[in-house]
Amino acid sequence: VQLQASGGGFVQGGGSLRLSCAASGPIYAVSRRAWYRQAPGKQRELVASITTGGSTNYADSVQGRFTISSDNAKNTVYLQMNSLKPEDTAVYYCNVRWSLGGNSWGQGTQVTVSS
């Protein structure tokens, strides 16, 4: 399985970006899709997650600004990021947790927010 993330880039503070992550290859049952991020010198952290049933979870730092959604038929997960702040600058990674166990990761997409 390959996860291809896209949509990152450079944006001014207050702007918006939409990340996408499409899965290809042999797709097994998915229990959860998520976005993580890792800023320079920091540990990777969970940004948002969504179960196949549609339940969502957000980090406190992005609550109210970011929205995660998925299209299960297209095996794609999205992250709409609004009101971006310089502290949102990081490499964003998509993640799939499989129902039978294990995870798969995308290659990461850089998001840079200027002040």
N, C-alpha and C. Protein backbone atom coordinates (compact mmCIF):
# COMPACT_ATOMS: atom_id res chain seq x y z
N VAL A 1 0.85 -1.19 0.00
CA VAL A 1 0.00 0.00 0.00
C VAL A 1 0.88 1.24 0.00
N GLN A 2 0.53 2.22 -0.83
CA GLN A 2 1.24 3.50 -0.84
C GLN A 2 0.26 4.61 -0.49
N LEU A 3 0.74 5.54 0.34
CA LEU A 3 -0.03 6.72 0.69
C LEU A 3 0.66 7.93 0.09
N GLN A 4 -0.06 8.65 -0.77
CA GLN A 4 0.51 9.79 -1.46
C GLN A 4 -0.14 11.06 -0.94
N ALA A 5 0.64 11.86 -0.21
CA ALA A 5 0.14 13.11 0.34
C ALA A 5 0.45 14.27 -0.59
N SER A 6 -0.43 15.24 -0.63
CA SER A 6 -0.24 16.43 -1.46
C SER A 6 -0.96 17.61 -0.83
N GLY A 7 -0.67 18.81 -1.34
CA GLY A 7 -1.38 19.99 -0.92
C GLY A 7 -0.61 20.93 -0.02
N GLY A 8 0.58 20.52 0.41
CA GLY A 8 1.37 21.40 1.24
C GLY A 8 1.90 22.58 0.45
N GLY A 9 2.50 23.52 1.17
CA GLY A 9 3.06 24.68 0.50
C GLY A 9 3.36 25.80 1.47
N PHE A 10 3.52 26.98 0.90
CA PHE A 10 3.85 28.17 1.68
C PHE A 10 2.63 29.07 1.69
N VAL A 11 2.28 29.56 2.87
CA VAL A 11 1.11 30.42 2.99
C VAL A 11 1.37 31.46 4.08
N GLN A 12 0.77 32.61 3.94
CA GLN A 12 0.88 33.63 4.96
C GLN A 12 -0.04 33.30 6.14
N GLY A 13 0.32 33.79 7.30
CA GLY A 13 -0.51 33.58 8.47
C GLY A 13 -1.94 34.04 8.23
N GLY A 14 -2.89 33.24 8.69
CA GLY A 14 -4.29 33.53 8.46
C GLY A 14 -4.85 32.86 7.22
N GLY A 15 -3.96 32.31 6.42
CA GLY A 15 -4.39 31.67 5.18
C GLY A 15 -4.87 30.24 5.38
N SER A 16 -5.15 29.59 4.27
CA SER A 16 -5.70 28.22 4.29
C SER A 16 -4.95 27.31 3.33
N LEU A 17 -4.93 26.05 3.67
CA LEU A 17 -4.42 25.01 2.79
C LEU A 17 -5.28 23.77 2.98
N ARG A 18 -5.32 22.94 1.94
CA ARG A 18 -6.04 21.67 2.04
C ARG A 18 -5.09 20.55 1.64
N LEU A 19 -4.87 19.64 2.58
CA LEU A 19 -4.02 18.49 2.32
C LEU A 19 -4.89 17.30 1.90
N SER A 20 -4.34 16.49 1.03
CA SER A 20 -5.01 15.26 0.60
C SER A 20 -4.03 14.10 0.73
N CYS A 21 -4.56 12.93 0.97
CA CYS A 21 -3.73 11.73 1.04
C CYS A 21 -4.52 10.57 0.46
N ALA A 22 -4.05 10.06 -0.66
CA ALA A 22 -4.74 8.96 -1.34
C ALA A 22 -3.96 7.67 -1.18
N ALA A 23 -4.67 6.61 -0.89
CA ALA A 23 -4.06 5.29 -0.75
C ALA A 23 -4.23 4.50 -2.04
N SER A 24 -3.19 3.79 -2.40
CA SER A 24 -3.25 2.96 -3.59
C SER A 24 -2.61 1.61 -3.29
N GLY A 25 -2.94 0.64 -4.10
CA GLY A 25 -2.42 -0.69 -3.88
C GLY A 25 -3.47 -1.56 -3.22
N PRO A 26 -3.06 -2.69 -2.64
CA PRO A 26 -4.04 -3.56 -1.97
C PRO A 26 -4.55 -2.90 -0.69
N ILE A 27 -5.82 -2.53 -0.71
CA ILE A 27 -6.41 -1.82 0.43
C ILE A 27 -7.15 -2.82 1.30
N TYR A 28 -6.78 -2.85 2.57
CA TYR A 28 -7.44 -3.71 3.51
C TYR A 28 -8.39 -2.88 4.36
N ALA A 29 -9.07 -3.53 5.27
CA ALA A 29 -10.03 -2.82 6.10
C ALA A 29 -9.31 -1.78 6.94
N VAL A 30 -9.85 -0.57 6.92
CA VAL A 30 -9.27 0.57 7.64
C VAL A 30 -10.08 0.85 8.89
N SER A 31 -9.39 1.08 9.98
CA SER A 31 -10.12 1.45 11.19
C SER A 31 -10.05 2.94 11.46
N ARG A 32 -8.94 3.58 11.02
CA ARG A 32 -8.79 5.00 11.29
C ARG A 32 -7.82 5.63 10.30
N ARG A 33 -8.10 6.85 9.90
CA ARG A 33 -7.18 7.67 9.11
C ARG A 33 -6.83 8.90 9.93
N ALA A 34 -5.61 9.38 9.76
CA ALA A 34 -5.16 10.48 10.61
C ALA A 34 -4.09 11.32 9.91
N TRP A 35 -3.90 12.50 10.45
CA TRP A 35 -2.80 13.38 10.05
C TRP A 35 -1.94 13.64 11.29
N TYR A 36 -0.64 13.51 11.11
CA TYR A 36 0.33 13.87 12.13
C TYR A 36 1.20 14.99 11.55
N ARG A 37 1.96 15.65 12.42
CA ARG A 37 2.92 16.63 11.96
C ARG A 37 4.16 16.59 12.84
N GLN A 38 5.25 17.02 12.23
CA GLN A 38 6.51 17.08 12.96
C GLN A 38 7.24 18.36 12.58
N ALA A 39 7.42 19.21 13.57
CA ALA A 39 8.16 20.44 13.39
C ALA A 39 9.63 20.19 13.70
N PRO A 40 10.53 21.01 13.18
CA PRO A 40 11.97 20.82 13.44
C PRO A 40 12.26 20.78 14.93
N GLY A 41 12.98 19.75 15.35
CA GLY A 41 13.37 19.63 16.74
C GLY A 41 12.28 19.15 17.68
N LYS A 42 11.14 18.79 17.14
CA LYS A 42 10.02 18.34 17.96
C LYS A 42 9.60 16.92 17.57
N GLN A 43 8.87 16.28 18.48
CA GLN A 43 8.37 14.95 18.20
C GLN A 43 7.14 15.04 17.28
N ARG A 44 6.92 13.95 16.57
CA ARG A 44 5.73 13.88 15.73
C ARG A 44 4.50 13.86 16.64
N GLU A 45 3.48 14.63 16.26
CA GLU A 45 2.27 14.71 17.08
C GLU A 45 1.03 14.48 16.23
N LEU A 46 0.01 13.95 16.86
CA LEU A 46 -1.26 13.73 16.19
C LEU A 46 -1.98 15.07 16.03
N VAL A 47 -2.41 15.36 14.82
CA VAL A 47 -3.14 16.58 14.53
C VAL A 47 -4.65 16.31 14.53
N ALA A 48 -5.06 15.30 13.80
CA ALA A 48 -6.49 14.98 13.70
C ALA A 48 -6.64 13.54 13.22
N SER A 49 -7.75 12.93 13.60
CA SER A 49 -8.03 11.57 13.17
C SER A 49 -9.52 11.42 12.88
N ILE A 50 -9.82 10.42 12.06
CA ILE A 50 -11.22 10.13 11.74
C ILE A 50 -11.36 8.63 11.56
N THR A 51 -12.37 8.05 12.21
CA THR A 51 -12.62 6.62 12.07
C THR A 51 -13.46 6.38 10.83
N THR A 52 -13.57 5.12 10.43
CA THR A 52 -14.41 4.82 9.28
C THR A 52 -15.87 5.10 9.58
N GLY A 53 -16.21 5.18 10.86
CA GLY A 53 -17.57 5.52 11.24
C GLY A 53 -17.82 7.02 11.27
N GLY A 54 -16.75 7.81 11.08
CA GLY A 54 -16.91 9.26 11.01
C GLY A 54 -16.60 10.01 12.29
N SER A 55 -16.19 9.32 13.33
CA SER A 55 -15.83 10.01 14.57
C SER A 55 -14.49 10.71 14.40
N THR A 56 -14.42 11.96 14.83
CA THR A 56 -13.20 12.75 14.67
C THR A 56 -12.60 13.14 16.01
N ASN A 57 -11.31 13.41 15.95
CA ASN A 57 -10.57 13.84 17.13
C ASN A 57 -9.52 14.84 16.68
N TYR A 58 -9.33 15.91 17.45
CA TYR A 58 -8.39 16.97 17.08
C TYR A 58 -7.47 17.30 18.25
N ALA A 59 -6.27 17.69 17.92
CA ALA A 59 -5.37 18.26 18.91
C ALA A 59 -5.96 19.60 19.36
N ASP A 60 -5.74 19.92 20.62
CA ASP A 60 -6.28 21.18 21.15
C ASP A 60 -5.79 22.38 20.34
N SER A 61 -4.57 22.30 19.85
CA SER A 61 -3.97 23.44 19.16
C SER A 61 -4.62 23.74 17.81
N VAL A 62 -5.36 22.79 17.25
CA VAL A 62 -5.96 23.00 15.93
C VAL A 62 -7.49 22.96 15.98
N GLN A 63 -8.03 22.65 17.13
CA GLN A 63 -9.49 22.58 17.28
C GLN A 63 -10.15 23.87 16.81
N GLY A 64 -11.15 23.75 15.96
CA GLY A 64 -11.85 24.92 15.47
C GLY A 64 -11.24 25.55 14.24
N ARG A 65 -10.02 25.15 13.90
CA ARG A 65 -9.35 25.71 12.72
C ARG A 65 -9.16 24.66 11.61
N PHE A 66 -8.93 23.42 12.01
CA PHE A 66 -8.70 22.33 11.06
C PHE A 66 -9.90 21.41 11.02
N THR A 67 -10.14 20.84 9.85
CA THR A 67 -11.22 19.86 9.70
C THR A 67 -10.71 18.66 8.91
N ILE A 68 -10.86 17.49 9.49
CA ILE A 68 -10.47 16.25 8.81
C ILE A 68 -11.72 15.62 8.21
N SER A 69 -11.56 15.07 7.02
CA SER A 69 -12.67 14.36 6.38
C SER A 69 -12.09 13.24 5.53
N SER A 70 -12.94 12.33 5.14
CA SER A 70 -12.45 11.22 4.32
C SER A 70 -13.50 10.80 3.31
N ASP A 71 -13.01 10.26 2.23
CA ASP A 71 -13.87 9.65 1.22
C ASP A 71 -13.45 8.19 1.16
N ASN A 72 -14.19 7.35 1.85
CA ASN A 72 -13.79 5.95 1.97
C ASN A 72 -13.79 5.25 0.62
N ALA A 73 -14.71 5.63 -0.25
CA ALA A 73 -14.78 5.00 -1.57
C ALA A 73 -13.52 5.31 -2.40
N LYS A 74 -12.93 6.49 -2.17
CA LYS A 74 -11.71 6.89 -2.89
C LYS A 74 -10.45 6.61 -2.08
N ASN A 75 -10.63 6.05 -0.88
CA ASN A 75 -9.48 5.79 -0.01
C ASN A 75 -8.62 7.04 0.17
N THR A 76 -9.27 8.15 0.40
CA THR A 76 -8.59 9.43 0.52
C THR A 76 -9.02 10.13 1.80
N VAL A 77 -8.06 10.76 2.44
CA VAL A 77 -8.33 11.55 3.63
C VAL A 77 -7.85 12.97 3.36
N TYR A 78 -8.58 13.94 3.89
CA TYR A 78 -8.30 15.35 3.67
C TYR A 78 -8.08 16.06 5.01
N LEU A 79 -7.36 17.16 4.95
CA LEU A 79 -7.21 18.03 6.11
C LEU A 79 -7.35 19.46 5.62
N GLN A 80 -8.48 20.08 5.94
CA GLN A 80 -8.69 21.48 5.63
C GLN A 80 -8.13 22.31 6.77
N MET A 81 -7.18 23.18 6.46
CA MET A 81 -6.51 23.97 7.49
C MET A 81 -6.80 25.44 7.24
N ASN A 82 -7.50 26.05 8.16
CA ASN A 82 -7.84 27.47 8.07
C ASN A 82 -7.16 28.25 9.19
N SER A 83 -7.12 29.54 9.04
CA SER A 83 -6.53 30.43 10.06
C SER A 83 -5.16 29.93 10.48
N LEU A 84 -4.34 29.61 9.51
CA LEU A 84 -3.03 29.03 9.79
C LEU A 84 -2.14 30.01 10.55
N LYS A 85 -1.32 29.44 11.43
CA LYS A 85 -0.41 30.20 12.26
C LYS A 85 1.03 29.74 11.98
N PRO A 86 2.00 30.59 12.27
CA PRO A 86 3.40 30.16 12.07
C PRO A 86 3.73 28.87 12.83
N GLU A 87 3.12 28.67 13.98
CA GLU A 87 3.39 27.45 14.75
C GLU A 87 2.80 26.20 14.13
N ASP A 88 2.03 26.35 13.05
CA ASP A 88 1.54 25.18 12.31
C ASP A 88 2.58 24.68 11.30
N THR A 89 3.67 25.42 11.16
CA THR A 89 4.72 25.01 10.23
C THR A 89 5.31 23.67 10.65
N ALA A 90 5.30 22.73 9.73
CA ALA A 90 5.77 21.37 10.02
C ALA A 90 5.67 20.53 8.75
N VAL A 91 6.22 19.34 8.82
CA VAL A 91 5.95 18.33 7.80
C VAL A 91 4.74 17.53 8.27
N TYR A 92 3.75 17.44 7.41
CA TYR A 92 2.51 16.75 7.73
C TYR A 92 2.51 15.37 7.09
N TYR A 93 2.16 14.37 7.89
CA TYR A 93 2.15 12.98 7.45
C TYR A 93 0.75 12.40 7.59
N CYS A 94 0.31 11.69 6.56
CA CYS A 94 -0.94 10.96 6.70
C CYS A 94 -0.65 9.55 7.22
N ASN A 95 -1.63 9.01 7.88
CA ASN A 95 -1.47 7.69 8.52
C ASN A 95 -2.75 6.91 8.37
N VAL A 96 -2.61 5.62 8.12
CA VAL A 96 -3.76 4.72 8.09
C VAL A 96 -3.51 3.61 9.09
N ARG A 97 -4.48 3.40 9.93
CA ARG A 97 -4.42 2.27 10.87
C ARG A 97 -5.34 1.18 10.32
N TRP A 98 -4.80 -0.02 10.15
CA TRP A 98 -5.54 -1.12 9.56
C TRP A 98 -6.33 -1.87 10.63
N SER A 99 -7.49 -2.34 10.26
CA SER A 99 -8.35 -3.04 11.20
C SER A 99 -7.69 -4.30 11.75
N LEU A 100 -6.84 -4.95 10.94
CA LEU A 100 -6.18 -6.19 11.38
C LEU A 100 -4.86 -5.91 12.08
N GLY A 101 -4.55 -4.62 12.25
CA GLY A 101 -3.33 -4.26 12.97
C GLY A 101 -2.30 -3.62 12.05
N GLY A 102 -1.47 -2.78 12.62
CA GLY A 102 -0.42 -2.13 11.86
C GLY A 102 -0.86 -0.79 11.30
N ASN A 103 0.14 -0.04 10.85
CA ASN A 103 -0.08 1.29 10.31
C ASN A 103 0.70 1.45 9.01
N SER A 104 0.24 2.38 8.19
CA SER A 104 1.00 2.80 7.01
C SER A 104 1.11 4.32 7.04
N TRP A 105 2.26 4.83 6.53
CA TRP A 105 2.53 6.26 6.56
C TRP A 105 2.77 6.79 5.15
N GLY A 106 2.32 8.03 4.93
CA GLY A 106 2.65 8.74 3.71
C GLY A 106 4.04 9.34 3.80
N GLN A 107 4.49 9.95 2.71
CA GLN A 107 5.86 10.44 2.65
C GLN A 107 6.03 11.80 3.29
N GLY A 108 4.96 12.48 3.64
CA GLY A 108 5.07 13.79 4.26
C GLY A 108 4.98 14.92 3.25
N THR A 109 4.34 15.99 3.67
CA THR A 109 4.24 17.19 2.83
C THR A 109 4.51 18.40 3.71
N GLN A 110 5.35 19.30 3.22
CA GLN A 110 5.78 20.46 4.01
C GLN A 110 4.73 21.55 3.99
N VAL A 111 4.42 22.06 5.17
CA VAL A 111 3.56 23.24 5.31
C VAL A 111 4.37 24.31 6.02
N THR A 112 4.47 25.47 5.39
CA THR A 112 5.21 26.60 5.96
C THR A 112 4.29 27.80 6.03
N VAL A 113 4.16 28.35 7.22
CA VAL A 113 3.28 29.50 7.45
C VAL A 113 4.14 30.68 7.90
N SER A 114 4.07 31.76 7.18
CA SER A 114 4.85 32.94 7.52
C SER A 114 4.05 33.85 8.45
N SER A 115 4.79 34.61 9.23
CA SER A 115 4.13 35.53 10.17
C SER A 115 3.80 36.84 9.50
